[in-house]
Amino acid sequence: MEVTTFRAALAFPMVFFAWPLIAATYASPLVFQVLCQIAFAAYLMPVPLVPEKWSPRTR
């Protein structure tokens, strides 16, 4: 699995599940944990999320 595919597969479900947690007032430690995981997966790795001249592969 390529790094970009791995990052997308890891970050997008986290973002989807983080939005309800952000609205909940009782889950602030959990929100912080999830947002830290998103930041690590999506922003701290030294490759772009979608590289230039990217086109999807047919599998």
Protein backbone atom coordinates (compact mmCIF):
# COMPACT_ATOMS: atom_id res chain seq x y z
CA MET A 1 0.00 0.00 0.00
CA GLU A 2 1.35 3.39 -0.94
CA VAL A 3 1.90 6.04 1.73
CA THR A 4 -0.73 8.35 0.26
CA THR A 5 -3.33 5.60 0.13
CA PHE A 6 -2.50 4.67 3.71
CA ARG A 7 -2.85 8.26 4.89
CA ALA A 8 -6.20 8.70 3.16
CA ALA A 9 -7.48 5.39 4.50
CA LEU A 10 -6.44 6.38 8.00
CA ALA A 11 -7.44 10.05 8.07
CA PHE A 12 -10.85 10.12 6.40
CA PRO A 13 -12.65 7.74 8.80
CA MET A 14 -11.12 9.61 11.73
CA VAL A 15 -12.48 12.90 10.41
CA PHE A 16 -15.90 11.33 9.90
CA PHE A 17 -16.07 10.05 13.47
CA ALA A 18 -14.52 13.16 15.03
CA TRP A 19 -17.31 15.58 14.05
CA PRO A 20 -19.94 14.12 16.43
CA LEU A 21 -17.36 14.08 19.22
CA ILE A 22 -16.57 17.75 18.72
CA ALA A 23 -20.25 18.58 19.30
CA ALA A 24 -20.36 16.54 22.54
CA THR A 25 -19.31 18.51 25.61
CA TYR A 26 -18.56 15.45 27.77
CA ALA A 27 -16.03 13.91 25.39
CA SER A 28 -13.32 16.57 25.34
CA PRO A 29 -10.40 14.21 26.23
CA LEU A 30 -11.58 11.80 23.55
CA VAL A 31 -11.91 14.64 21.03
CA PHE A 32 -8.36 15.73 21.81
CA GLN A 33 -7.07 12.18 21.31
CA VAL A 34 -8.88 11.74 17.98
CA LEU A 35 -7.76 15.12 16.67
CA CYS A 36 -4.15 14.35 17.62
CA GLN A 37 -4.35 11.07 15.72
CA ILE A 38 -5.75 12.91 12.68
CA ALA A 39 -2.97 15.50 12.85
CA PHE A 40 -0.32 12.80 13.01
CA ALA A 41 -1.81 10.76 10.18
CA ALA A 42 -2.68 13.60 7.83
CA TYR A 43 -0.19 16.41 8.44
CA LEU A 44 3.03 15.24 10.05
CA MET A 45 4.01 12.69 7.42
CA PRO A 46 6.30 14.28 4.83
CA VAL A 47 4.25 13.45 1.72
CA PRO A 48 1.29 15.31 0.24
CA LEU A 49 -2.19 13.94 0.86
CA VAL A 50 -2.89 14.02 -2.89
CA PRO A 51 0.27 14.19 -5.04
CA GLU A 52 0.49 16.34 -8.15
CA LYS A 53 -0.68 14.74 -11.40
CA TRP A 54 -2.55 12.08 -9.42
CA SER A 55 -5.06 9.84 -11.13
CA PRO A 56 -6.88 6.89 -9.57
CA ARG A 57 -5.81 3.40 -10.51
CA THR A 58 -8.25 0.78 -11.63
CA ARG A 59 -7.97 -2.35 -9.56
